[in-house]
C-alpha atoms as a PDB file:
ATOM      1  CA  MET A   1    -142.601  75.288-150.863  1.00  0.00           C
ATOM      2  CA  THR A   2    -145.029  74.121-148.011  1.00  0.00           C
ATOM      3  CA  THR A   3    -148.242  75.815-148.678  1.00  0.00           C
ATOM      4  CA  ASP A   4    -146.969  78.174-151.410  1.00  0.00           C
ATOM      5  CA  THR A   5    -148.776  77.270-154.613  1.00  0.00           C
ATOM      6  CA  VAL A   6    -146.246  79.319-156.982  1.00  0.00           C
ATOM      7  CA  PRO A   7    -142.723  80.415-156.790  1.00  0.00           C
ATOM      8  CA  LYS A   8    -142.380  84.159-156.167  1.00  0.00           C
ATOM      9  CA  ARG A   9    -139.524  85.964-158.287  1.00  0.00           C
ATOM     10  CA  VAL A  10    -138.929  89.354-159.462  1.00  0.00           C
ATOM     11  CA  SER A  11    -136.336  90.950-161.756  1.00  0.00           C
ATOM     12  CA  GLU A  12    -136.114  94.571-162.230  1.00  0.00           C
ATOM     13  CA  SER A  13    -133.744  96.699-164.510  1.00  0.00           C
ATOM     14  CA  TRP A  14    -132.801 100.117-163.192  1.00  0.00           C
ATOM     15  CA  THR A  15    -130.426 103.133-164.498  1.00  0.00           C
ATOM     16  CA  ILE A  16    -128.886 104.922-161.538  1.00  0.00           C
ATOM     17  CA  GLU A  17    -127.019 108.007-162.277  1.00  0.00           C
ATOM     18  CA  GLY A  18    -126.928 106.676-166.082  1.00  0.00           C
ATOM     19  CA  VAL A  19    -125.481 103.293-165.218  1.00  0.00           C
ATOM     20  CA  PRO A  20    -127.593  99.964-165.680  1.00  0.00           C
ATOM     21  CA  VAL A  21    -128.322  98.154-162.331  1.00  0.00           C
ATOM     22  CA  THR A  22    -130.285  95.029-162.004  1.00  0.00           C
ATOM     23  CA  ILE A  23    -132.091  93.962-158.966  1.00  0.00           C
ATOM     24  CA  ALA A  24    -133.900  90.444-158.711  1.00  0.00           C
ATOM     25  CA  GLY A  25    -135.276  88.688-155.734  1.00  0.00           C
ATOM     26  CA  LEU A  26    -137.171  85.463-154.681  1.00  0.00           C
ATOM     27  CA  ALA A  27    -139.296  84.665-151.559  1.00  0.00           C
ATOM     28  CA  LYS A  28    -141.314  82.055-150.039  1.00  0.00           C
ATOM     29  CA  GLY A  29    -144.345  82.622-147.711  1.00  0.00           C
ATOM     30  CA  ALA A  30    -148.163  81.913-147.843  1.00  0.00           C
ATOM     31  CA  GLY A  31    -149.459  81.666-144.354  1.00  0.00           C
ATOM     32  CA  MET A  32    -148.548  83.204-140.948  1.00  0.00           C
ATOM     33  CA  ILE A  33    -147.683  86.349-142.762  1.00  0.00           C
ATOM     34  CA  HIS A  34    -147.776  89.634-140.643  1.00  0.00           C
ATOM     35  CA  PRO A  35    -145.062  91.970-139.771  1.00  0.00           C
ATOM     36  CA  ASN A  36    -142.234  91.836-138.333  1.00  0.00           C
ATOM     37  CA  MET A  37    -141.759  89.648-140.846  1.00  0.00           C
ATOM     38  CA  ALA A  38    -143.697  86.309-140.122  1.00  0.00           C
ATOM     39  CA  THR A  39    -143.066  83.244-141.728  1.00  0.00           C
ATOM     40  CA  CYS A  40    -141.249  84.882-144.905  1.00  0.00           C
ATOM     41  CA  LEU A  41    -138.116  83.905-146.619  1.00  0.00           C
ATOM     42  CA  GLY A  42    -136.834  86.447-149.058  1.00  0.00           C
ATOM     43  CA  VAL A  43    -133.401  87.287-150.869  1.00  0.00           C
ATOM     44  CA  LEU A  44    -132.653  90.301-152.935  1.00  0.00           C
ATOM     45  CA  LEU A  45    -129.629  90.446-155.295  1.00  0.00           C
ATOM     46  CA  THR A  46    -128.033  93.341-157.139  1.00  0.00           C
ATOM     47  CA  ASN A  47    -125.082  93.989-159.056  1.00  0.00           C
ATOM     48  CA  ALA A  48    -124.483  97.401-157.579  1.00  0.00           C
ATOM     49  CA  ARG A  49    -121.154  98.047-155.639  1.00  0.00           C
ATOM     50  CA  ILE A  50    -122.302  99.575-152.348  1.00  0.00           C
ATOM     51  CA  PRO A  51    -120.589  99.101-148.843  1.00  0.00           C
ATOM     52  CA  PRO A  52    -122.505  96.799-146.116  1.00  0.00           C
ATOM     53  CA  SER A  53    -123.555  99.684-144.173  1.00  0.00           C
ATOM     54  CA  LEU A  54    -125.351 101.494-146.862  1.00  0.00           C
ATOM     55  CA  LEU A  55    -126.944  98.373-148.121  1.00  0.00           C
ATOM     56  CA  ARG A  56    -128.415  97.528-144.598  1.00  0.00           C
ATOM     57  CA  SER A  57    -129.748 101.082-144.381  1.00  0.00           C
ATOM     58  CA  ALA A  58    -131.399 100.582-147.560  1.00  0.00           C
ATOM     59  CA  LEU A  59    -132.935  97.052-146.910  1.00  0.00           C
ATOM     60  CA  VAL A  60    -134.337  98.561-143.609  1.00  0.00           C
ATOM     61  CA  TYR A  61    -136.024 101.347-145.545  1.00  0.00           C
ATOM     62  CA  ALA A  62    -137.264  98.916-148.262  1.00  0.00           C
ATOM     63  CA  ALA A  63    -138.500  96.402-145.524  1.00  0.00           C
ATOM     64  CA  ASP A  64    -140.494  98.820-143.770  1.00  0.00           C
ATOM     65  CA  ARG A  65    -142.364  99.592-146.834  1.00  0.00           C
ATOM     66  CA  SER A  66    -142.859  96.100-148.242  1.00  0.00           C
ATOM     67  CA  PHE A  67    -142.214  93.000-146.369  1.00  0.00           C
ATOM     68  CA  ASN A  68    -143.352  94.860-143.303  1.00  0.00           C
ATOM     69  CA  CYS A  69    -146.595  96.212-144.858  1.00  0.00           C
ATOM     70  CA  ILE A  70    -148.050  92.780-145.807  1.00  0.00           C
ATOM     71  CA  SER A  71    -150.739  90.880-143.905  1.00  0.00           C
ATOM     72  CA  VAL A  72    -152.298  87.395-144.711  1.00  0.00           C
ATOM     73  CA  ASP A  73    -153.495  86.218-141.433  1.00  0.00           C
ATOM     74  CA  GLY A  74    -152.159  88.641-138.648  1.00  0.00           C
ATOM     75  CA  ASP A  75    -150.120  85.633-137.287  1.00  0.00           C
ATOM     76  CA  THR A  76    -146.320  85.668-137.013  1.00  0.00           C
ATOM     77  CA  SER A  77    -143.547  83.095-136.705  1.00  0.00           C
ATOM     78  CA  THR A  78    -139.909  83.061-135.270  1.00  0.00           C
ATOM     79  CA  ASN A  79    -138.641  81.925-138.842  1.00  0.00           C
ATOM     80  CA  ASP A  80    -138.109  84.698-141.039  1.00  0.00           C
ATOM     81  CA  SER A  81    -135.104  86.439-143.087  1.00  0.00           C
ATOM     82  CA  LEU A  82    -134.579  88.978-145.799  1.00  0.00           C
ATOM     83  CA  VAL A  83    -131.242  89.374-147.118  1.00  0.00           C
ATOM     84  CA  VAL A  84    -129.669  91.308-149.786  1.00  0.00           C
ATOM     85  CA  LEU A  85    -126.567  90.522-151.468  1.00  0.00           C
ATOM     86  CA  ALA A  86    -124.449  93.000-153.788  1.00  0.00           C
ATOM     87  CA  ASN A  87    -121.624  91.612-156.047  1.00  0.00           C
ATOM     88  CA  GLY A  88    -120.306  94.902-157.554  1.00  0.00           C
ATOM     89  CA  GLN A  89    -120.114  93.375-161.143  1.00  0.00           C
ATOM     90  CA  PRO A  90    -121.037  95.096-164.368  1.00  0.00           C
ATOM     91  CA  GLN A  91    -123.984  93.788-166.479  1.00  0.00           C
ATOM     92  CA  GLU A  92    -121.867  93.485-169.408  1.00  0.00           C
ATOM     93  CA  ARG A  93    -118.181  92.700-170.053  1.00  0.00           C
ATOM     94  CA  ASN A  94    -116.219  95.706-169.695  1.00  0.00           C
ATOM     95  CA  GLY A  95    -119.477  97.688-168.644  1.00  0.00           C
ATOM     96  CA  ALA A  96    -119.555 100.281-166.028  1.00  0.00           C
ATOM     97  CA  VAL A  97    -120.563  99.558-162.385  1.00  0.00           C
ATOM     98  CA  CYS A  98    -122.986 101.500-160.259  1.00  0.00           C
ATOM     99  CA  ASP A  99    -120.692 102.461-157.471  1.00  0.00           C
ATOM    100  CA  ILE A 100    -122.666 104.061-154.324  1.00  0.00           C
ATOM    101  CA  ARG A 101    -120.364 105.486-151.725  1.00  0.00           C
ATOM    102  CA  GLU A 102    -122.379 108.221-149.913  1.00  0.00           C
ATOM    103  CA  GLU A 103    -125.713 107.879-148.016  1.00  0.00           C
ATOM    104  CA  LYS A 104    -126.426 111.589-148.930  1.00  0.00           C
ATOM    105  CA  SER A 105    -126.321 111.045-152.711  1.00  0.00           C
ATOM    106  CA  ARG A 106    -128.518 111.016-155.559  1.00  0.00           C
ATOM    107  CA  ALA A 107    -127.150 107.514-156.446  1.00  0.00           C
ATOM    108  CA  PHE A 108    -128.108 106.075-152.872  1.00  0.00           C
ATOM    109  CA  GLU A 109    -131.644 107.474-153.225  1.00  0.00           C
ATOM    110  CA  GLN A 110    -132.295 106.063-156.516  1.00  0.00           C
ATOM    111  CA  PHE A 111    -130.897 102.742-155.386  1.00  0.00           C
ATOM    112  CA  ARG A 112    -132.884 102.634-152.255  1.00  0.00           C
ATOM    113  CA  GLU A 113    -136.241 103.447-154.104  1.00  0.00           C
ATOM    114  CA  ALA A 114    -135.375 100.931-156.789  1.00  0.00           C
ATOM    115  CA  LEU A 115    -134.772  98.096-154.020  1.00  0.00           C
ATOM    116  CA  THR A 116    -137.948  99.299-152.308  1.00  0.00           C
ATOM    117  CA  GLU A 117    -140.114  98.813-155.516  1.00  0.00           C
ATOM    118  CA  THR A 118    -138.425  95.466-156.154  1.00  0.00           C
ATOM    119  CA  ALA A 119    -139.227  94.377-152.520  1.00  0.00           C
ATOM    120  CA  ARG A 120    -142.568  95.784-152.759  1.00  0.00           C
ATOM    121  CA  LYS A 121    -143.347  93.774-155.836  1.00  0.00           C
ATOM    122  CA  LEU A 122    -141.993  90.641-154.056  1.00  0.00           C
ATOM    123  CA  ALA A 123    -143.957  91.233-150.906  1.00  0.00           C
ATOM    124  CA  GLN A 124    -147.240  91.608-152.774  1.00  0.00           C
ATOM    125  CA  LEU A 125    -146.721  88.002-154.618  1.00  0.00           C
ATOM    126  CA  ILE A 126    -146.813  86.616-150.996  1.00  0.00           C
ATOM    127  CA  VAL A 127    -150.223  88.200-150.399  1.00  0.00           C
ATOM    128  CA  ARG A 128    -151.743  87.112-153.780  1.00  0.00           C
ATOM    129  CA  ASP A 129    -150.624  83.577-153.029  1.00  0.00           C
ATOM    130  CA  GLY A 130    -151.966  83.756-149.244  1.00  0.00           C
ATOM    131  CA  GLU A 131    -153.468  80.492-148.008  1.00  0.00           C
ATOM    132  CA  GLY A 132    -157.048  80.433-149.444  1.00  0.00           C
ATOM    133  CA  VAL A 133    -156.717  83.879-150.775  1.00  0.00           C
ATOM    134  CA  THR A 134    -159.601  84.969-153.306  1.00  0.00           C
ATOM    135  CA  LYS A 135    -159.181  88.943-152.803  1.00  0.00           C
ATOM    136  CA  PHE A 136    -156.271  91.118-153.032  1.00  0.00           C
ATOM    137  CA  ALA A 137    -156.533  94.609-151.008  1.00  0.00           C
ATOM    138  CA  THR A 138    -154.418  97.787-151.104  1.00  0.00           C
ATOM    139  CA  VAL A 139    -154.883  99.758-147.846  1.00  0.00           C
ATOM    140  CA  GLU A 140    -153.691 103.411-148.342  1.00  0.00           C
ATOM    141  CA  VAL A 141    -153.652 105.837-145.190  1.00  0.00           C
ATOM    142  CA  THR A 142    -152.832 109.392-146.272  1.00  0.00           C
ATOM    143  CA  GLY A 143    -153.017 112.718-144.225  1.00  0.00           C
ATOM    144  CA  ALA A 144    -151.196 111.212-141.038  1.00  0.00           C
ATOM    145  CA  ARG A 145    -148.937 113.123-138.835  1.00  0.00           C
ATOM    146  CA  THR A 146    -145.860 110.597-139.414  1.00  0.00           C
ATOM    147  CA  PHE A 147    -145.174 107.594-141.536  1.00  0.00           C
ATOM    148  CA  GLY A 148    -145.377 105.474-138.351  1.00  0.00           C
ATOM    149  CA  GLU A 149    -148.726 106.490-137.239  1.00  0.00           C
ATOM    150  CA  ALA A 150    -149.918 106.081-140.933  1.00  0.00           C
ATOM    151  CA  GLN A 151    -148.490 102.525-141.085  1.00  0.00           C
ATOM    152  CA  GLN A 152    -150.032 101.589-137.801  1.00  0.00           C
ATOM    153  CA  ILE A 153    -153.478 102.687-138.968  1.00  0.00           C
ATOM    154  CA  ALA A 154    -152.970 100.675-142.190  1.00  0.00           C
ATOM    155  CA  ALA A 155    -152.011  97.712-140.157  1.00  0.00           C
ATOM    156  CA  SER A 156    -154.992  97.766-138.057  1.00  0.00           C
ATOM    157  CA  ILE A 157    -157.244  97.719-141.085  1.00  0.00           C
ATOM    158  CA  ALA A 158    -155.300  95.128-142.899  1.00  0.00           C
ATOM    159  CA  LYS A 159    -155.351  92.516-140.102  1.00  0.00           C
ATOM    160  CA  SER A 160    -158.934  93.103-138.962  1.00  0.00           C
ATOM    161  CA  PRO A 161    -160.784  89.626-139.320  1.00  0.00           C
ATOM    162  CA  LEU A 162    -163.939  91.637-139.604  1.00  0.00           C
ATOM    163  CA  VAL A 163    -162.407  93.526-142.635  1.00  0.00           C
ATOM    164  CA  LYS A 164    -161.046  90.386-144.009  1.00  0.00           C
ATOM    165  CA  THR A 165    -164.341  88.488-143.932  1.00  0.00           C
ATOM    166  CA  ALA A 166    -165.936  91.348-145.465  1.00  0.00           C
ATOM    167  CA  LEU A 167    -163.708  91.110-148.390  1.00  0.00           C
ATOM    168  CA  PHE A 168    -164.307  87.471-148.825  1.00  0.00           C
ATOM    169  CA  GLY A 169    -168.111  87.938-148.785  1.00  0.00           C
ATOM    170  CA  GLY A 170    -168.367  90.906-150.924  1.00  0.00           C
ATOM    171  CA  ASP A 171    -169.939  93.011-148.256  1.00  0.00           C
ATOM    172  CA  ALA A 172    -169.250  96.510-148.480  1.00  0.00           C
ATOM    173  CA  ASN A 173    -169.344  97.031-144.738  1.00  0.00           C
ATOM    174  CA  TRP A 174    -167.255 100.265-144.496  1.00  0.00           C
ATOM    175  CA  GLY A 175    -167.922 100.562-140.801  1.00  0.00           C
ATOM    176  CA  ARG A 176    -165.672  97.901-140.276  1.00  0.00           C
ATOM    177  CA  ILE A 177    -162.823  99.745-141.700  1.00  0.00           C
ATOM    178  CA  LEU A 178    -163.539 102.683-139.598  1.00  0.00           C
ATOM    179  CA  CYS A 179    -163.856 100.880-136.497  1.00  0.00           C
ATOM    180  CA  ALA A 180    -160.140  99.473-137.181  1.00  0.00           C
ATOM    181  CA  VAL A 181    -159.013 102.986-137.738  1.00  0.00           C
ATOM    182  CA  GLY A 182    -160.564 103.904-134.288  1.00  0.00           C
ATOM    183  CA  TYR A 183    -158.937 101.139-132.389  1.00  0.00           C
ATOM    184  CA  SER A 184    -155.562 101.359-134.040  1.00  0.00           C
ATOM    185  CA  GLY A 185    -154.195 103.069-131.007  1.00  0.00           C
ATOM    186  CA  VAL A 186    -153.092 106.338-133.152  1.00  0.00           C
ATOM    187  CA  PRO A 187    -155.269 109.472-131.842  1.00  0.00           C
ATOM    188  CA  ILE A 188    -157.166 110.819-134.865  1.00  0.00           C
ATOM    189  CA  SER A 189    -159.804 113.674-135.359  1.00  0.00           C
ATOM    190  CA  PRO A 190    -162.880 111.739-136.492  1.00  0.00           C
ATOM    191  CA  GLU A 191    -164.485 114.771-138.144  1.00  0.00           C
ATOM    192  CA  LYS A 192    -161.614 115.060-140.473  1.00  0.00           C
ATOM    193  CA  VAL A 193    -161.707 111.454-141.868  1.00  0.00           C
ATOM    194  CA  ASP A 194    -162.599 110.529-145.333  1.00  0.00           C
ATOM    195  CA  LEU A 195    -162.982 107.236-146.938  1.00  0.00           C
ATOM    196  CA  TRP A 196    -162.655 106.279-150.168  1.00  0.00           C
ATOM    197  CA  LEU A 197    -163.150 102.944-152.201  1.00  0.00           C
ATOM    198  CA  LEU A 198    -161.209 102.927-155.474  1.00  0.00           C
ATOM    199  CA  PRO A 199    -161.062 100.264-158.470  1.00  0.00           C
ATOM    200  CA  PRO A 200    -157.800  98.547-159.200  1.00  0.00           C
ATOM    201  CA  ALA A 201    -155.583  98.992-162.364  1.00  0.00           C
ATOM    202  CA  GLY A 202    -157.591  97.600-165.358  1.00  0.00           C
ATOM    203  CA  ALA A 203    -161.243  98.428-163.865  1.00  0.00           C
ATOM    204  CA  ARG A 204    -161.210 101.823-164.509  1.00  0.00           C
ATOM    205  CA  GLU A 205    -164.814 101.767-165.889  1.00  0.00           C
ATOM    206  CA  LEU A 206    -166.179 101.419-162.124  1.00  0.00           C
ATOM    207  CA  PRO A 207    -165.900 104.642-160.577  1.00  0.00           C
ATOM    208  CA  ALA A 208    -164.350 105.519-157.133  1.00  0.00           C
ATOM    209  CA  VAL A 209    -166.675 105.863-154.114  1.00  0.00           C
ATOM    210  CA  HIS A 210    -166.484 108.403-151.411  1.00  0.00           C
ATOM    211  CA  LEU A 211    -168.255 106.881-148.700  1.00  0.00           C
ATOM    212  CA  VAL A 212    -167.241 109.065-145.738  1.00  0.00           C
ATOM    213  CA  ARG A 213    -166.770 112.748-145.759  1.00  0.00           C
ATOM    214  CA  ALA A 214    -165.489 114.796-142.724  1.00  0.00           C
ATOM    215  CA  GLY A 215    -166.116 111.937-140.546  1.00  0.00           C
ATOM    216  CA  GLN A 216    -170.044 111.587-141.898  1.00  0.00           C
ATOM    217  CA  PRO A 217    -171.730 109.104-143.969  1.00  0.00           C
ATOM    218  CA  TYR A 218    -171.600 110.603-147.702  1.00  0.00           C
ATOM    219  CA  ASP A 219    -173.931 109.343-150.362  1.00  0.00           C
ATOM    220  CA  PRO A 220    -175.359 112.572-152.275  1.00  0.00           C
ATOM    221  CA  GLU A 221    -176.822 110.481-155.066  1.00  0.00           C
ATOM    222  CA  GLY A 222    -178.050 107.590-153.154  1.00  0.00           C
ATOM    223  CA  THR A 223    -175.990 104.964-155.283  1.00  0.00           C
ATOM    224  CA  ASN A 224    -172.940 104.487-152.999  1.00  0.00           C
ATOM    225  CA  GLU A 225    -174.062 101.052-151.514  1.00  0.00           C
ATOM    226  CA  GLU A 226    -174.470  99.666-154.778  1.00  0.00           C
ATOM    227  CA  ARG A 227    -171.319 100.931-156.170  1.00  0.00           C
ATOM    228  CA  ALA A 228    -169.437  99.998-153.178  1.00  0.00           C
ATOM    229  CA  THR A 229    -170.559  96.603-153.316  1.00  0.00           C
ATOM    230  CA  ALA A 230    -169.475  96.174-157.135  1.00  0.00           C
ATOM    231  CA  LEU A 231    -165.794  97.133-155.908  1.00  0.00           C
ATOM    232  CA  PHE A 232    -165.883  94.656-152.939  1.00  0.00           C
ATOM    233  CA  ARG A 233    -166.950  91.867-155.340  1.00  0.00           C
ATOM    234  CA  LEU A 234    -163.921  92.647-157.487  1.00  0.00           C
ATOM    235  CA  PRO A 235    -160.939  90.157-157.194  1.00  0.00           C
ATOM    236  CA  GLU A 236    -158.966  93.447-156.127  1.00  0.00           C
ATOM    237  CA  LEU A 237    -159.775  96.315-154.093  1.00  0.00           C
ATOM    238  CA  HIS A 238    -158.089  99.884-153.097  1.00  0.00           C
ATOM    239  CA  VAL A 239    -159.059 101.192-149.934  1.00  0.00           C
ATOM    240  CA  ARG A 240    -158.051 104.774-148.938  1.00  0.00           C
ATOM    241  CA  VAL A 241    -158.406 106.652-145.648  1.00  0.00           C
ATOM    242  CA  GLU A 242    -157.698 110.348-145.448  1.00  0.00           C
ATOM    243  CA  LEU A 243    -156.946 111.450-141.828  1.00  0.00           C
ATOM    244  CA  GLY A 244    -156.585 115.199-142.573  1.00  0.00           C
ATOM    245  CA  LEU A 245    -153.818 115.433-139.728  1.00  0.00           C
ATOM    246  CA  GLY A 246    -150.632 116.081-141.759  1.00  0.00           C
ATOM    247  CA  ASP A 247    -148.562 114.949-145.039  1.00  0.00           C
ATOM    248  CA  ALA A 248    -147.442 111.510-144.166  1.00  0.00           C
ATOM    249  CA  SER A 249    -148.886 108.114-145.715  1.00  0.00           C
ATOM    250  CA  ALA A 250    -148.346 104.496-145.762  1.00  0.00           C
ATOM    251  CA  THR A 251    -149.574 101.720-147.639  1.00  0.00           C
ATOM    252  CA  TYR A 252    -150.495  97.789-146.649  1.00  0.00           C
ATOM    253  CA  TRP A 253    -151.315  94.918-148.690  1.00  0.00           C
ATOM    254  CA  THR A 254    -153.925  92.439-147.348  1.00  0.00           C
ATOM    255  CA  CYS A 255    -156.299  89.844-148.509  1.00  0.00           C
ATOM    256  CA  ASP A 256    -159.525  88.176-147.448  1.00  0.00           C
ATOM    257  CA  LEU A 257    -159.890  85.461-144.978  1.00  0.00           C
ATOM    258  CA  SER A 258    -161.599  82.607-146.631  1.00  0.00           C
ATOM    259  CA  VAL A 259    -163.233  78.978-145.589  1.00  0.00           C
ATOM    260  CA  ASP A 260    -160.181  77.653-147.638  1.00  0.00           C
ATOM    261  CA  TYR A 261    -157.590  79.247-145.319  1.00  0.00           C
ATOM    262  CA  VAL A 262    -159.483  77.677-142.331  1.00  0.00           C
ATOM    263  CA  LYS A 263    -159.316  74.292-143.868  1.00  0.00           C
ATOM    264  CA  ILE A 264    -155.617  74.499-144.784  1.00  0.00           C
ATOM    265  CA  ASN A 265    -154.632  75.321-141.208  1.00  0.00           C
ATOM    266  CA  ALA A 266    -157.169  73.084-139.368  1.00  0.00           C
ATOM    267  CA  ASP A 267    -155.442  70.060-141.535  1.00  0.00           C
ATOM    268  CA  TYR A 268    -151.872  71.468-141.670  1.00  0.00           C
ATOM    269  CA  ARG A 269    -149.989  68.814-139.829  1.00  0.00           C
ATOM    270  CA  SER A 270    -151.812  65.916-141.401  1.00  0.00           C
END
């Protein structure tokens, strides 16, 4: 497992058009993690019956919203694979088989979403076990013109060393987030941008913090600095950037850049 500290496994049960389907997966990866796909090895398994062409289409869609949306250190490697295998076998003896034949069908859409959700959970496990990780962060970009542009901005934030070190230090330096939006290469309208910090599930006692509204710092009660710092010091954090340009959105998962990450990679070969 090299620098992995825990095995990464996921198994999900789904019902597609009334037929039970299992999708399971396992993955390896902890460092040199950033699309496309970096030093990751992943295998997804399902008992659905589906032609290879449709299976590949579903996998590409799922990968673009999971394994291609994670960043530990912004570095990549030539060694990566994501494979999906389908055996077309029923879950129980003489049971029904989920048989998917048409791409433009409800069954295919349901299967693709199930595969994506399973891959997403597996990919997040890689970030949570990233080298030296102490913080896990969700970066959500909404209101983009296209999915590609939303993903490009989310990636820019997720791989920023300044954002990642701010996460490690619990420093609510939201200017670093907006800076990463600005240099992402995607044309934006600064006067339309909103920035929110939200608590993760399980920490709902902490309210969301609206830091930027219509491109300007927003702090009507004079408490945002304190509230934002409280969120940055949690082990999990949710960042939402609203662009006000369209209806597309994308989500990335990232982590902090810690002293231990430097130590691990400074001594890796020894």
